[in-house]
Amino acid sequence: MQTTKGDFLKDTTGCVGGTVKGSLGIISKYLTLWILLAMAGGIILGVVYPQVATIFEAGKIEQVSFPIAIGLIWMMYPPLAGVKYEELYKMKQQGKALSASIVQNWIIGPVLMFALAWIFLSDLPDYRIGLILIGLARCIAMVLVWNQLAGGDNELCAVLVAVNSIFQIGLYSVLTYVFITVLSAWIGGAEAGAVVDISIWEVAKAVFVYLGITFIAGIITRSVLVKKRGKDWYDNIFMKKLGPTALIGLLFTIIVIFSLKGEIIVKLPMDVFRIAVPLLFYFIIMFSISFFMSHRLGFSYDQSTTLAFTAASNNFELAIAVAVAACIPYLSISS
């Protein structure tokens, strides 16, 4: 399918931060600036008031800070409420896109992150394992926001997120063992291997909390309000008001995350830098590969965008939950 200039100037009505055709709201337009300010604000908050970490960590949902969980759910709800679930039956014609996404997410992505972890963090086993855990956790949250901002295919994104969730429940524990216990030992010797004990049930609970709840809420919201007020009111009035709140949830989540680790970031800047470099390489390489691959397969701009963002994003909340649940991040395997 060929794309035209019109594909890039599509109507953003109902999208996150969208206003009128071909324009972005003030939050979306300067999102990079707001994110940087949110990061800086979180670090300052964590350094000036270190007790805030204790307060935020007091309550947890699946091993993740309660405020972070609330922020994630808040962030995902508007995009999922905006999905046209009544049109998902059309996705049966998207078998090619689904196949491409599975290859990108469950073969290329994990292998690329594993390679980057060993290239950049071979001497730091704890960080290396953490990076591998992130690479194995495919995104089910923030990708919904990035996809809408870039004018991706919302319905395809919802389907891919659901598919990734199912694969995550069935494969995450297995892939964790393969990449961290088996392959790491092959590369670095027996002492480089680690045992990360995480059950399928624990992964399923985390996926339900961070995706299932918001999916259900989005389906109910659209079903009830469309029935009462009609599609035109829902898409052009309700979603225009609800959509931008997802970015507020995103910025709130960023502030909380960086406030929890503000002191550590200030004390260990080089550690943060060393971890950030492979993550940056991962996103650039993975997004480029996925977008180019999708374009070569004949997908339109909105489909290619969705496939690229889905493949290049990761589920950090699941990775955090697994790392915490494992208790000891690095357990050497005795020979």
C-alpha atoms as a PDB file:
ATOM      1  CA  MET A   1       0.000   0.000   0.000  1.00  0.00           C
ATOM      2  CA  GLN A   2       1.416   3.366  -1.040  1.00  0.00           C
ATOM      3  CA  THR A   3       1.343   6.301   1.333  1.00  0.00           C
ATOM      4  CA  THR A   4       0.663   9.904   0.411  1.00  0.00           C
ATOM      5  CA  LYS A   5       1.251  13.243   2.035  1.00  0.00           C
ATOM      6  CA  GLY A   6      -2.297  13.053   3.358  1.00  0.00           C
ATOM      7  CA  ASP A   7      -1.382  10.042   5.460  1.00  0.00           C
ATOM      8  CA  PHE A   8       0.987  12.223   7.450  1.00  0.00           C
ATOM      9  CA  LEU A   9      -1.566  14.997   7.968  1.00  0.00           C
ATOM     10  CA  LYS A  10      -4.428  12.897   9.169  1.00  0.00           C
ATOM     11  CA  ASP A  11      -7.242  14.117  11.397  1.00  0.00           C
ATOM     12  CA  THR A  12      -6.101  13.931  15.024  1.00  0.00           C
ATOM     13  CA  THR A  13      -9.594  14.304  16.471  1.00  0.00           C
ATOM     14  CA  GLY A  14      -9.942  11.978  19.416  1.00  0.00           C
ATOM     15  CA  CYS A  15      -6.216  11.277  19.592  1.00  0.00           C
ATOM     16  CA  VAL A  16      -4.086  11.970  22.598  1.00  0.00           C
ATOM     17  CA  GLY A  17      -3.483  15.680  22.624  1.00  0.00           C
ATOM     18  CA  GLY A  18      -5.171  16.085  19.241  1.00  0.00           C
ATOM     19  CA  THR A  19      -7.180  19.191  18.466  1.00  0.00           C
ATOM     20  CA  VAL A  20      -8.029  19.869  14.858  1.00  0.00           C
ATOM     21  CA  LYS A  21      -6.905  18.414  11.548  1.00  0.00           C
ATOM     22  CA  GLY A  22      -3.161  18.592  11.097  1.00  0.00           C
ATOM     23  CA  SER A  23      -2.423  20.109  14.500  1.00  0.00           C
ATOM     24  CA  LEU A  24      -1.313  19.108  17.973  1.00  0.00           C
ATOM     25  CA  GLY A  25      -2.368  20.354  21.376  1.00  0.00           C
ATOM     26  CA  ILE A  26       0.045  22.391  23.486  1.00  0.00           C
ATOM     27  CA  ILE A  27       1.023  19.355  25.597  1.00  0.00           C
ATOM     28  CA  SER A  28       1.720  17.174  22.560  1.00  0.00           C
ATOM     29  CA  LYS A  29       3.537  19.879  20.603  1.00  0.00           C
ATOM     30  CA  TYR A  30       6.135  20.445  23.317  1.00  0.00           C
ATOM     31  CA  LEU A  31       6.059  16.937  24.791  1.00  0.00           C
ATOM     32  CA  THR A  32       9.854  16.531  24.692  1.00  0.00           C
ATOM     33  CA  LEU A  33      10.240  19.665  26.819  1.00  0.00           C
ATOM     34  CA  TRP A  34       7.577  18.546  29.306  1.00  0.00           C
ATOM     35  CA  ILE A  35       9.202  15.113  29.633  1.00  0.00           C
ATOM     36  CA  LEU A  36      12.622  16.648  30.309  1.00  0.00           C
ATOM     37  CA  LEU A  37      11.087  18.997  32.890  1.00  0.00           C
ATOM     38  CA  ALA A  38       9.219  16.067  34.483  1.00  0.00           C
ATOM     39  CA  MET A  39      12.470  14.087  34.713  1.00  0.00           C
ATOM     40  CA  ALA A  40      14.315  17.049  36.233  1.00  0.00           C
ATOM     41  CA  GLY A  41      11.428  17.753  38.614  1.00  0.00           C
ATOM     42  CA  GLY A  42      11.347  14.131  39.755  1.00  0.00           C
ATOM     43  CA  ILE A  43      15.104  14.082  40.405  1.00  0.00           C
ATOM     44  CA  ILE A  44      14.964  17.362  42.333  1.00  0.00           C
ATOM     45  CA  LEU A  45      12.003  16.115  44.369  1.00  0.00           C
ATOM     46  CA  GLY A  46      13.823  12.885  45.223  1.00  0.00           C
ATOM     47  CA  VAL A  47      17.001  14.737  46.256  1.00  0.00           C
ATOM     48  CA  VAL A  48      15.351  17.558  48.242  1.00  0.00           C
ATOM     49  CA  TYR A  49      12.753  15.323  49.870  1.00  0.00           C
ATOM     50  CA  PRO A  50      14.238  11.800  49.967  1.00  0.00           C
ATOM     51  CA  GLN A  51      11.420  10.683  52.260  1.00  0.00           C
ATOM     52  CA  VAL A  52       9.089  10.902  49.249  1.00  0.00           C
ATOM     53  CA  ALA A  53      10.501   7.550  48.078  1.00  0.00           C
ATOM     54  CA  THR A  54       9.390   5.922  51.320  1.00  0.00           C
ATOM     55  CA  ILE A  55       5.931   7.436  50.968  1.00  0.00           C
ATOM     56  CA  PHE A  56       5.547   6.330  47.342  1.00  0.00           C
ATOM     57  CA  GLU A  57       6.874   2.840  48.088  1.00  0.00           C
ATOM     58  CA  ALA A  58       4.519   2.356  51.040  1.00  0.00           C
ATOM     59  CA  GLY A  59       1.868   0.811  48.818  1.00  0.00           C
ATOM     60  CA  LYS A  60       2.553  -1.550  45.931  1.00  0.00           C
ATOM     61  CA  ILE A  61       0.579  -3.138  43.128  1.00  0.00           C
ATOM     62  CA  GLU A  62       2.346  -6.242  41.789  1.00  0.00           C
ATOM     63  CA  GLN A  63       5.681  -5.099  43.266  1.00  0.00           C
ATOM     64  CA  VAL A  64       5.409  -1.660  41.624  1.00  0.00           C
ATOM     65  CA  SER A  65       4.880   1.585  43.542  1.00  0.00           C
ATOM     66  CA  PHE A  66       1.179   2.434  43.890  1.00  0.00           C
ATOM     67  CA  PRO A  67       1.582   5.955  42.395  1.00  0.00           C
ATOM     68  CA  ILE A  68       3.400   4.481  39.370  1.00  0.00           C
ATOM     69  CA  ALA A  69       0.634   1.915  38.908  1.00  0.00           C
ATOM     70  CA  ILE A  70      -2.024   4.633  39.110  1.00  0.00           C
ATOM     71  CA  GLY A  71      -0.066   6.756  36.626  1.00  0.00           C
ATOM     72  CA  LEU A  72       0.235   3.851  34.182  1.00  0.00           C
ATOM     73  CA  ILE A  73      -3.459   3.014  34.376  1.00  0.00           C
ATOM     74  CA  TRP A  74      -4.360   6.702  34.023  1.00  0.00           C
ATOM     75  CA  MET A  75      -2.034   6.985  31.024  1.00  0.00           C
ATOM     76  CA  MET A  76      -3.400   3.916  29.213  1.00  0.00           C
ATOM     77  CA  TYR A  77      -7.113   4.481  29.820  1.00  0.00           C
ATOM     78  CA  PRO A  78      -7.738   7.292  27.256  1.00  0.00           C
ATOM     79  CA  PRO A  79      -6.036   5.500  24.322  1.00  0.00           C
ATOM     80  CA  LEU A  80      -7.912   2.285  25.085  1.00  0.00           C
ATOM     81  CA  ALA A  81     -11.187   4.180  25.479  1.00  0.00           C
ATOM     82  CA  GLY A  82     -10.576   5.646  22.032  1.00  0.00           C
ATOM     83  CA  VAL A  83     -10.185   2.284  20.270  1.00  0.00           C
ATOM     84  CA  LYS A  84     -13.079   1.463  17.938  1.00  0.00           C
ATOM     85  CA  TYR A  85     -13.711  -2.000  19.326  1.00  0.00           C
ATOM     86  CA  GLU A  86     -16.720  -2.500  17.069  1.00  0.00           C
ATOM     87  CA  GLU A  87     -14.331  -2.420  14.091  1.00  0.00           C
ATOM     88  CA  LEU A  88     -11.779  -4.892  15.424  1.00  0.00           C
ATOM     89  CA  TYR A  89     -13.319  -7.621  13.292  1.00  0.00           C
ATOM     90  CA  LYS A  90     -11.475  -6.005  10.383  1.00  0.00           C
ATOM     91  CA  MET A  91      -8.217  -7.101  12.016  1.00  0.00           C
ATOM     92  CA  LYS A  92      -8.716 -10.594  10.579  1.00  0.00           C
ATOM     93  CA  GLN A  93      -7.281  -9.081   7.412  1.00  0.00           C
ATOM     94  CA  GLN A  94      -4.152  -7.973   9.300  1.00  0.00           C
ATOM     95  CA  GLY A  95      -2.512 -11.383   9.486  1.00  0.00           C
ATOM     96  CA  LYS A  96       0.562 -10.102   7.674  1.00  0.00           C
ATOM     97  CA  ALA A  97       0.998  -7.243  10.159  1.00  0.00           C
ATOM     98  CA  LEU A  98       0.484  -9.611  13.082  1.00  0.00           C
ATOM     99  CA  SER A  99       3.134 -12.001  11.760  1.00  0.00           C
ATOM    100  CA  ALA A 100       5.602  -9.150  11.258  1.00  0.00           C
ATOM    101  CA  SER A 101       4.953  -7.902  14.792  1.00  0.00           C
ATOM    102  CA  ILE A 102       5.561 -11.333  16.322  1.00  0.00           C
ATOM    103  CA  VAL A 103       8.921 -11.607  14.543  1.00  0.00           C
ATOM    104  CA  GLN A 104       9.910  -8.070  15.563  1.00  0.00           C
ATOM    105  CA  ASN A 105       8.779  -8.394  19.184  1.00  0.00           C
ATOM    106  CA  TRP A 106       9.649 -11.948  20.087  1.00  0.00           C
ATOM    107  CA  ILE A 107      12.735 -12.700  17.992  1.00  0.00           C
ATOM    108  CA  ILE A 108      14.530  -9.532  16.883  1.00  0.00           C
ATOM    109  CA  GLY A 109      13.821  -7.424  19.993  1.00  0.00           C
ATOM    110  CA  PRO A 110      14.964  -9.865  22.711  1.00  0.00           C
ATOM    111  CA  VAL A 111      18.051 -10.916  20.732  1.00  0.00           C
ATOM    112  CA  LEU A 112      19.052  -7.284  20.084  1.00  0.00           C
ATOM    113  CA  MET A 113      18.685  -6.270  23.749  1.00  0.00           C
ATOM    114  CA  PHE A 114      20.577  -9.391  24.874  1.00  0.00           C
ATOM    115  CA  ALA A 115      23.450  -8.504  22.524  1.00  0.00           C
ATOM    116  CA  LEU A 116      23.516  -4.856  23.677  1.00  0.00           C
ATOM    117  CA  ALA A 117      23.456  -5.931  27.338  1.00  0.00           C
ATOM    118  CA  TRP A 118      26.546  -8.068  26.850  1.00  0.00           C
ATOM    119  CA  ILE A 119      28.324  -5.482  24.685  1.00  0.00           C
ATOM    120  CA  PHE A 120      27.839  -2.552  27.063  1.00  0.00           C
ATOM    121  CA  LEU A 121      27.413  -4.171  30.486  1.00  0.00           C
ATOM    122  CA  SER A 122      29.512  -7.338  30.412  1.00  0.00           C
ATOM    123  CA  ASP A 123      31.305  -6.265  33.604  1.00  0.00           C
ATOM    124  CA  LEU A 124      28.123  -5.319  35.492  1.00  0.00           C
ATOM    125  CA  PRO A 125      26.052  -8.493  35.875  1.00  0.00           C
ATOM    126  CA  ASP A 126      23.198  -6.932  37.896  1.00  0.00           C
ATOM    127  CA  TYR A 127      22.620  -4.190  35.348  1.00  0.00           C
ATOM    128  CA  ARG A 128      23.098  -6.623  32.479  1.00  0.00           C
ATOM    129  CA  ILE A 129      20.394  -8.926  33.796  1.00  0.00           C
ATOM    130  CA  GLY A 130      18.078  -5.974  34.379  1.00  0.00           C
ATOM    131  CA  LEU A 131      18.556  -4.853  30.790  1.00  0.00           C
ATOM    132  CA  ILE A 132      17.819  -8.345  29.475  1.00  0.00           C
ATOM    133  CA  LEU A 133      14.648  -8.459  31.582  1.00  0.00           C
ATOM    134  CA  ILE A 134      13.524  -5.193  29.988  1.00  0.00           C
ATOM    135  CA  GLY A 135      14.260  -6.543  26.509  1.00  0.00           C
ATOM    136  CA  LEU A 136      12.120  -9.608  27.134  1.00  0.00           C
ATOM    137  CA  ALA A 137       9.172  -7.553  28.411  1.00  0.00           C
ATOM    138  CA  ARG A 138       7.274  -6.297  25.387  1.00  0.00           C
ATOM    139  CA  CYS A 139       5.396  -3.032  25.806  1.00  0.00           C
ATOM    140  CA  ILE A 140       1.711  -3.019  26.769  1.00  0.00           C
ATOM    141  CA  ALA A 141       1.428   0.532  28.114  1.00  0.00           C
ATOM    142  CA  MET A 142       3.187   3.654  26.877  1.00  0.00           C
ATOM    143  CA  VAL A 143       3.208   2.442  23.266  1.00  0.00           C
ATOM    144  CA  LEU A 144      -0.494   3.302  23.153  1.00  0.00           C
ATOM    145  CA  VAL A 145       0.338   6.952  23.806  1.00  0.00           C
ATOM    146  CA  TRP A 146       3.320   7.176  21.448  1.00  0.00           C
ATOM    147  CA  ASN A 147       1.346   5.455  18.695  1.00  0.00           C
ATOM    148  CA  GLN A 148      -1.517   7.935  18.866  1.00  0.00           C
ATOM    149  CA  LEU A 149       0.811  10.927  18.972  1.00  0.00           C
ATOM    150  CA  ALA A 150       2.523   9.724  15.792  1.00  0.00           C
ATOM    151  CA  GLY A 151      -0.748   9.040  13.985  1.00  0.00           C
ATOM    152  CA  GLY A 152      -0.500   5.261  14.096  1.00  0.00           C
ATOM    153  CA  ASP A 153      -3.300   2.737  13.609  1.00  0.00           C
ATOM    154  CA  ASN A 154      -5.129   2.691  16.966  1.00  0.00           C
ATOM    155  CA  GLU A 155      -7.075  -0.502  16.338  1.00  0.00           C
ATOM    156  CA  LEU A 156      -4.004  -2.396  15.120  1.00  0.00           C
ATOM    157  CA  CYS A 157      -2.062  -1.135  18.148  1.00  0.00           C
ATOM    158  CA  ALA A 158      -4.763  -2.417  20.514  1.00  0.00           C
ATOM    159  CA  VAL A 159      -4.659  -5.836  18.866  1.00  0.00           C
ATOM    160  CA  LEU A 160      -0.860  -6.028  18.961  1.00  0.00           C
ATOM    161  CA  VAL A 161      -0.835  -4.999  22.628  1.00  0.00           C
ATOM    162  CA  ALA A 162      -3.344  -7.748  23.404  1.00  0.00           C
ATOM    163  CA  VAL A 163      -1.322 -10.313  21.425  1.00  0.00           C
ATOM    164  CA  ASN A 164       1.900  -9.267  23.180  1.00  0.00           C
ATOM    165  CA  SER A 165       0.142  -9.665  26.526  1.00  0.00           C
ATOM    166  CA  ILE A 166      -0.865 -13.235  25.695  1.00  0.00           C
ATOM    167  CA  PHE A 167       2.624 -14.090  24.440  1.00  0.00           C
ATOM    168  CA  GLN A 168       4.115 -12.435  27.517  1.00  0.00           C
ATOM    169  CA  ILE A 169       2.106 -14.622  29.870  1.00  0.00           C
ATOM    170  CA  GLY A 170       3.136 -17.785  28.061  1.00  0.00           C
ATOM    171  CA  LEU A 171       6.731 -16.988  27.084  1.00  0.00           C
ATOM    172  CA  TYR A 172       8.253 -14.541  29.568  1.00  0.00           C
ATOM    173  CA  SER A 173       9.264 -17.144  32.145  1.00  0.00           C
ATOM    174  CA  VAL A 174      10.650 -19.442  29.458  1.00  0.00           C
ATOM    175  CA  LEU A 175      12.618 -16.698  27.680  1.00  0.00           C
ATOM    176  CA  THR A 176      13.977 -15.427  30.994  1.00  0.00           C
ATOM    177  CA  TYR A 177      15.450 -18.865  31.658  1.00  0.00           C
ATOM    178  CA  VAL A 178      16.816 -19.209  28.108  1.00  0.00           C
ATOM    179  CA  PHE A 179      18.494 -15.789  27.885  1.00  0.00           C
ATOM    180  CA  ILE A 180      19.622 -15.245  31.471  1.00  0.00           C
ATOM    181  CA  THR A 181      20.339 -18.757  32.697  1.00  0.00           C
ATOM    182  CA  VAL A 182      21.362 -20.697  29.583  1.00  0.00           C
ATOM    183  CA  LEU A 183      22.710 -18.253  26.969  1.00  0.00           C
ATOM    184  CA  SER A 184      24.468 -16.018  29.488  1.00  0.00           C
ATOM    185  CA  ALA A 185      26.282 -19.055  30.894  1.00  0.00           C
ATOM    186  CA  TRP A 186      27.365 -20.050  27.384  1.00  0.00           C
ATOM    187  CA  ILE A 187      28.848 -16.615  26.771  1.00  0.00           C
ATOM    188  CA  GLY A 188      30.386 -15.752  30.133  1.00  0.00           C
ATOM    189  CA  GLY A 189      30.819 -19.136  31.753  1.00  0.00           C
ATOM    190  CA  ALA A 190      28.799 -20.774  34.521  1.00  0.00           C
ATOM    191  CA  GLU A 191      29.345 -17.837  36.892  1.00  0.00           C
ATOM    192  CA  ALA A 192      27.675 -15.488  34.383  1.00  0.00           C
ATOM    193  CA  GLY A 193      24.414 -17.417  34.450  1.00  0.00           C
ATOM    194  CA  ALA A 194      21.653 -16.549  36.869  1.00  0.00           C
ATOM    195  CA  VAL A 195      18.416 -18.038  38.115  1.00  0.00           C
ATOM    196  CA  VAL A 196      15.474 -15.644  37.948  1.00  0.00           C
ATOM    197  CA  ASP A 197      12.496 -17.447  39.434  1.00  0.00           C
ATOM    198  CA  ILE A 198       9.286 -15.959  38.038  1.00  0.00           C
ATOM    199  CA  SER A 199       6.102 -17.954  37.484  1.00  0.00           C
ATOM    200  CA  ILE A 200       3.603 -17.644  34.660  1.00  0.00           C
ATOM    201  CA  TRP A 201       0.983 -16.750  37.249  1.00  0.00           C
ATOM    202  CA  GLU A 202       2.989 -13.766  38.488  1.00  0.00           C
ATOM    203  CA  VAL A 203       3.395 -12.477  34.927  1.00  0.00           C
ATOM    204  CA  ALA A 204      -0.325 -12.990  34.273  1.00  0.00           C
ATOM    205  CA  LYS A 205      -1.234 -10.967  37.367  1.00  0.00           C
ATOM    206  CA  ALA A 206       1.026  -8.105  36.341  1.00  0.00           C
ATOM    207  CA  VAL A 207      -0.392  -8.077  32.797  1.00  0.00           C
ATOM    208  CA  PHE A 208      -3.957  -8.051  34.138  1.00  0.00           C
ATOM    209  CA  VAL A 209      -3.284  -5.188  36.541  1.00  0.00           C
ATOM    210  CA  TYR A 210      -1.568  -2.955  33.992  1.00  0.00           C
ATOM    211  CA  LEU A 211      -3.519  -3.884  30.866  1.00  0.00           C
ATOM    212  CA  GLY A 212      -6.577  -5.956  31.699  1.00  0.00           C
ATOM    213  CA  ILE A 213      -8.164  -3.361  33.980  1.00  0.00           C
ATOM    214  CA  THR A 214      -7.716  -0.535  31.478  1.00  0.00           C
ATOM    215  CA  PHE A 215      -8.851  -2.675  28.536  1.00  0.00           C
ATOM    216  CA  ILE A 216     -12.063  -3.543  30.381  1.00  0.00           C
ATOM    217  CA  ALA A 217     -12.590   0.079  31.405  1.00  0.00           C
ATOM    218  CA  GLY A 218     -12.025   1.274  27.822  1.00  0.00           C
ATOM    219  CA  ILE A 219     -14.450  -1.264  26.354  1.00  0.00           C
ATOM    220  CA  ILE A 220     -17.161  -0.441  28.906  1.00  0.00           C
ATOM    221  CA  THR A 221     -16.688   3.314  28.491  1.00  0.00           C
ATOM    222  CA  ARG A 222     -17.014   3.220  24.707  1.00  0.00           C
ATOM    223  CA  SER A 223     -19.849   0.706  24.696  1.00  0.00           C
ATOM    224  CA  VAL A 224     -21.981   2.583  27.245  1.00  0.00           C
ATOM    225  CA  LEU A 225     -21.380   6.140  26.035  1.00  0.00           C
ATOM    226  CA  VAL A 226     -21.669   5.378  22.305  1.00  0.00           C
ATOM    227  CA  LYS A 227     -24.979   3.679  23.005  1.00  0.00           C
ATOM    228  CA  LYS A 228     -26.238   6.653  25.014  1.00  0.00           C
ATOM    229  CA  ARG A 229     -24.797   9.606  23.077  1.00  0.00           C
ATOM    230  CA  GLY A 230     -23.733   8.259  19.692  1.00  0.00           C
ATOM    231  CA  LYS A 231     -20.380   7.811  17.926  1.00  0.00           C
ATOM    232  CA  ASP A 232     -20.114  11.389  16.714  1.00  0.00           C
ATOM    233  CA  TRP A 233     -20.383  12.835  20.242  1.00  0.00           C
ATOM    234  CA  TYR A 234     -18.051  10.178  21.641  1.00  0.00           C
ATOM    235  CA  ASP A 235     -15.275  10.567  19.032  1.00  0.00           C
ATOM    236  CA  ASN A 236     -15.456  14.322  18.469  1.00  0.00           C
ATOM    237  CA  ILE A 237     -16.403  15.696  21.887  1.00  0.00           C
ATOM    238  CA  PHE A 238     -15.772  13.181  24.667  1.00  0.00           C
ATOM    239  CA  MET A 239     -12.440  11.833  23.352  1.00  0.00           C
ATOM    240  CA  LYS A 240     -11.156  15.334  22.574  1.00  0.00           C
ATOM    241  CA  LYS A 241     -11.516  16.074  26.290  1.00  0.00           C
ATOM    242  CA  LEU A 242     -10.378  12.707  27.602  1.00  0.00           C
ATOM    243  CA  GLY A 243      -7.494  12.120  25.163  1.00  0.00           C
ATOM    244  CA  PRO A 244      -5.039  14.778  26.431  1.00  0.00           C
ATOM    245  CA  THR A 245      -5.285  13.494  30.013  1.00  0.00           C
ATOM    246  CA  ALA A 246      -3.200  10.466  28.973  1.00  0.00           C
ATOM    247  CA  LEU A 247      -0.170  12.726  28.604  1.00  0.00           C
ATOM    248  CA  ILE A 248      -0.789  14.176  32.054  1.00  0.00           C
ATOM    249  CA  GLY A 249      -0.737  10.604  33.364  1.00  0.00           C
ATOM    250  CA  LEU A 250       2.511  10.012  31.452  1.00  0.00           C
ATOM    251  CA  LEU A 251       4.209  13.090  32.945  1.00  0.00           C
ATOM    252  CA  PHE A 252       2.950  12.182  36.413  1.00  0.00           C
ATOM    253  CA  THR A 253       4.414   8.681  36.034  1.00  0.00           C
ATOM    254  CA  ILE A 254       7.782  10.090  34.930  1.00  0.00           C
ATOM    255  CA  ILE A 255       7.927  12.450  37.909  1.00  0.00           C
ATOM    256  CA  VAL A 256       7.194   9.598  40.327  1.00  0.00           C
ATOM    257  CA  ILE A 257       9.737   7.238  38.718  1.00  0.00           C
ATOM    258  CA  PHE A 258      12.570   9.764  38.825  1.00  0.00           C
ATOM    259  CA  SER A 259      11.693  10.955  42.333  1.00  0.00           C
ATOM    260  CA  LEU A 260      12.013   7.382  43.617  1.00  0.00           C
ATOM    261  CA  LYS A 261      15.578   7.149  42.300  1.00  0.00           C
ATOM    262  CA  GLY A 262      16.560  10.823  42.474  1.00  0.00           C
ATOM    263  CA  GLU A 263      19.333  10.334  45.036  1.00  0.00           C
ATOM    264  CA  ILE A 264      20.770   7.341  43.199  1.00  0.00           C
ATOM    265  CA  ILE A 265      20.785   9.183  39.872  1.00  0.00           C
ATOM    266  CA  VAL A 266      22.728  12.063  41.450  1.00  0.00           C
ATOM    267  CA  LYS A 267      25.154   9.776  43.291  1.00  0.00           C
ATOM    268  CA  LEU A 268      25.761   7.345  40.412  1.00  0.00           C
ATOM    269  CA  PRO A 269      25.544   9.398  37.220  1.00  0.00           C
ATOM    270  CA  MET A 270      27.969   7.159  35.322  1.00  0.00           C
ATOM    271  CA  ASP A 271      25.906   4.074  36.145  1.00  0.00           C
ATOM    272  CA  VAL A 272      22.828   5.823  34.789  1.00  0.00           C
ATOM    273  CA  PHE A 273      24.773   6.829  31.670  1.00  0.00           C
ATOM    274  CA  ARG A 274      26.070   3.319  31.061  1.00  0.00           C
ATOM    275  CA  ILE A 275      22.556   1.891  31.285  1.00  0.00           C
ATOM    276  CA  ALA A 276      21.040   4.675  29.172  1.00  0.00           C
ATOM    277  CA  VAL A 277      23.447   4.162  26.254  1.00  0.00           C
ATOM    278  CA  PRO A 278      22.370   0.596  25.311  1.00  0.00           C
ATOM    279  CA  LEU A 279      18.712   1.545  25.862  1.00  0.00           C
ATOM    280  CA  LEU A 280      19.109   4.457  23.458  1.00  0.00           C
ATOM    281  CA  PHE A 281      20.851   2.250  20.920  1.00  0.00           C
ATOM    282  CA  TYR A 282      18.099  -0.333  21.315  1.00  0.00           C
ATOM    283  CA  PHE A 283      15.303   2.112  20.589  1.00  0.00           C
ATOM    284  CA  ILE A 284      17.020   3.691  17.584  1.00  0.00           C
ATOM    285  CA  ILE A 285      18.047   0.367  16.044  1.00  0.00           C
ATOM    286  CA  MET A 286      14.803  -1.457  16.819  1.00  0.00           C
ATOM    287  CA  PHE A 287      12.547   1.343  15.623  1.00  0.00           C
ATOM    288  CA  SER A 288      14.556   1.771  12.421  1.00  0.00           C
ATOM    289  CA  ILE A 289      14.627  -1.951  11.657  1.00  0.00           C
ATOM    290  CA  SER A 290      10.909  -2.385  12.337  1.00  0.00           C
ATOM    291  CA  PHE A 291       9.812   0.694  10.405  1.00  0.00           C
ATOM    292  CA  PHE A 292      12.010  -0.138   7.398  1.00  0.00           C
ATOM    293  CA  MET A 293      10.935  -3.779   7.500  1.00  0.00           C
ATOM    294  CA  SER A 294       7.248  -2.784   7.658  1.00  0.00           C
ATOM    295  CA  HIS A 295       7.653  -0.278   4.830  1.00  0.00           C
ATOM    296  CA  ARG A 296       9.364  -2.891   2.650  1.00  0.00           C
ATOM    297  CA  LEU A 297       6.507  -5.300   3.343  1.00  0.00           C
ATOM    298  CA  GLY A 298       4.104  -2.741   1.865  1.00  0.00           C
ATOM    299  CA  PHE A 299       2.411  -1.418   4.996  1.00  0.00           C
ATOM    300  CA  SER A 300       1.000   2.110   5.125  1.00  0.00           C
ATOM    301  CA  TYR A 301       2.490   4.866   7.298  1.00  0.00           C
ATOM    302  CA  ASP A 302       0.037   4.349  10.165  1.00  0.00           C
ATOM    303  CA  GLN A 303       0.582   0.578  10.176  1.00  0.00           C
ATOM    304  CA  SER A 304       4.382   0.900   9.943  1.00  0.00           C
ATOM    305  CA  THR A 305       4.358   3.430  12.777  1.00  0.00           C
ATOM    306  CA  THR A 306       2.336   1.108  14.990  1.00  0.00           C
ATOM    307  CA  LEU A 307       4.578  -1.871  14.233  1.00  0.00           C
ATOM    308  CA  ALA A 308       7.742   0.167  14.862  1.00  0.00           C
ATOM    309  CA  PHE A 309       6.624   1.678  18.166  1.00  0.00           C
ATOM    310  CA  THR A 310       5.280  -1.657  19.406  1.00  0.00           C
ATOM    311  CA  ALA A 311       8.572  -3.399  18.612  1.00  0.00           C
ATOM    312  CA  ALA A 312      10.831  -0.648  19.994  1.00  0.00           C
ATOM    313  CA  SER A 313       8.984  -0.193  23.303  1.00  0.00           C
ATOM    314  CA  ASN A 314       9.286  -2.254  26.460  1.00  0.00           C
ATOM    315  CA  ASN A 315       7.181  -3.112  29.485  1.00  0.00           C
ATOM    316  CA  PHE A 316       9.340  -1.637  32.261  1.00  0.00           C
ATOM    317  CA  GLU A 317       6.654  -2.189  34.925  1.00  0.00           C
ATOM    318  CA  LEU A 318       6.732  -5.963  34.337  1.00  0.00           C
ATOM    319  CA  ALA A 319      10.558  -5.932  34.315  1.00  0.00           C
ATOM    320  CA  ILE A 320      10.551  -4.071  37.649  1.00  0.00           C
ATOM    321  CA  ALA A 321       8.052  -6.513  39.131  1.00  0.00           C
ATOM    322  CA  VAL A 322      10.156  -9.488  38.020  1.00  0.00           C
ATOM    323  CA  ALA A 323      13.399  -7.957  39.300  1.00  0.00           C
ATOM    324  CA  VAL A 324      11.844  -7.235  42.699  1.00  0.00           C
ATOM    325  CA  ALA A 325      10.100 -10.604  42.894  1.00  0.00           C
ATOM    326  CA  ALA A 326      13.432 -12.342  42.238  1.00  0.00           C
ATOM    327  CA  CYS A 327      14.676 -10.703  45.473  1.00  0.00           C
ATOM    328  CA  ILE A 328      18.377 -11.207  44.661  1.00  0.00           C
ATOM    329  CA  PRO A 329      19.105  -9.696  41.219  1.00  0.00           C
ATOM    330  CA  TYR A 330      22.138 -11.827  40.487  1.00  0.00           C
ATOM    331  CA  LEU A 331      22.490 -15.402  41.655  1.00  0.00           C
ATOM    332  CA  SER A 332      25.608 -17.155  40.426  1.00  0.00           C
ATOM    333  CA  ILE A 333      25.236 -20.736  39.295  1.00  0.00           C
ATOM    334  CA  SER A 334      27.787 -22.941  40.925  1.00  0.00           C
ATOM    335  CA  SER A 335      29.751 -25.179  38.634  1.00  0.00           C
END
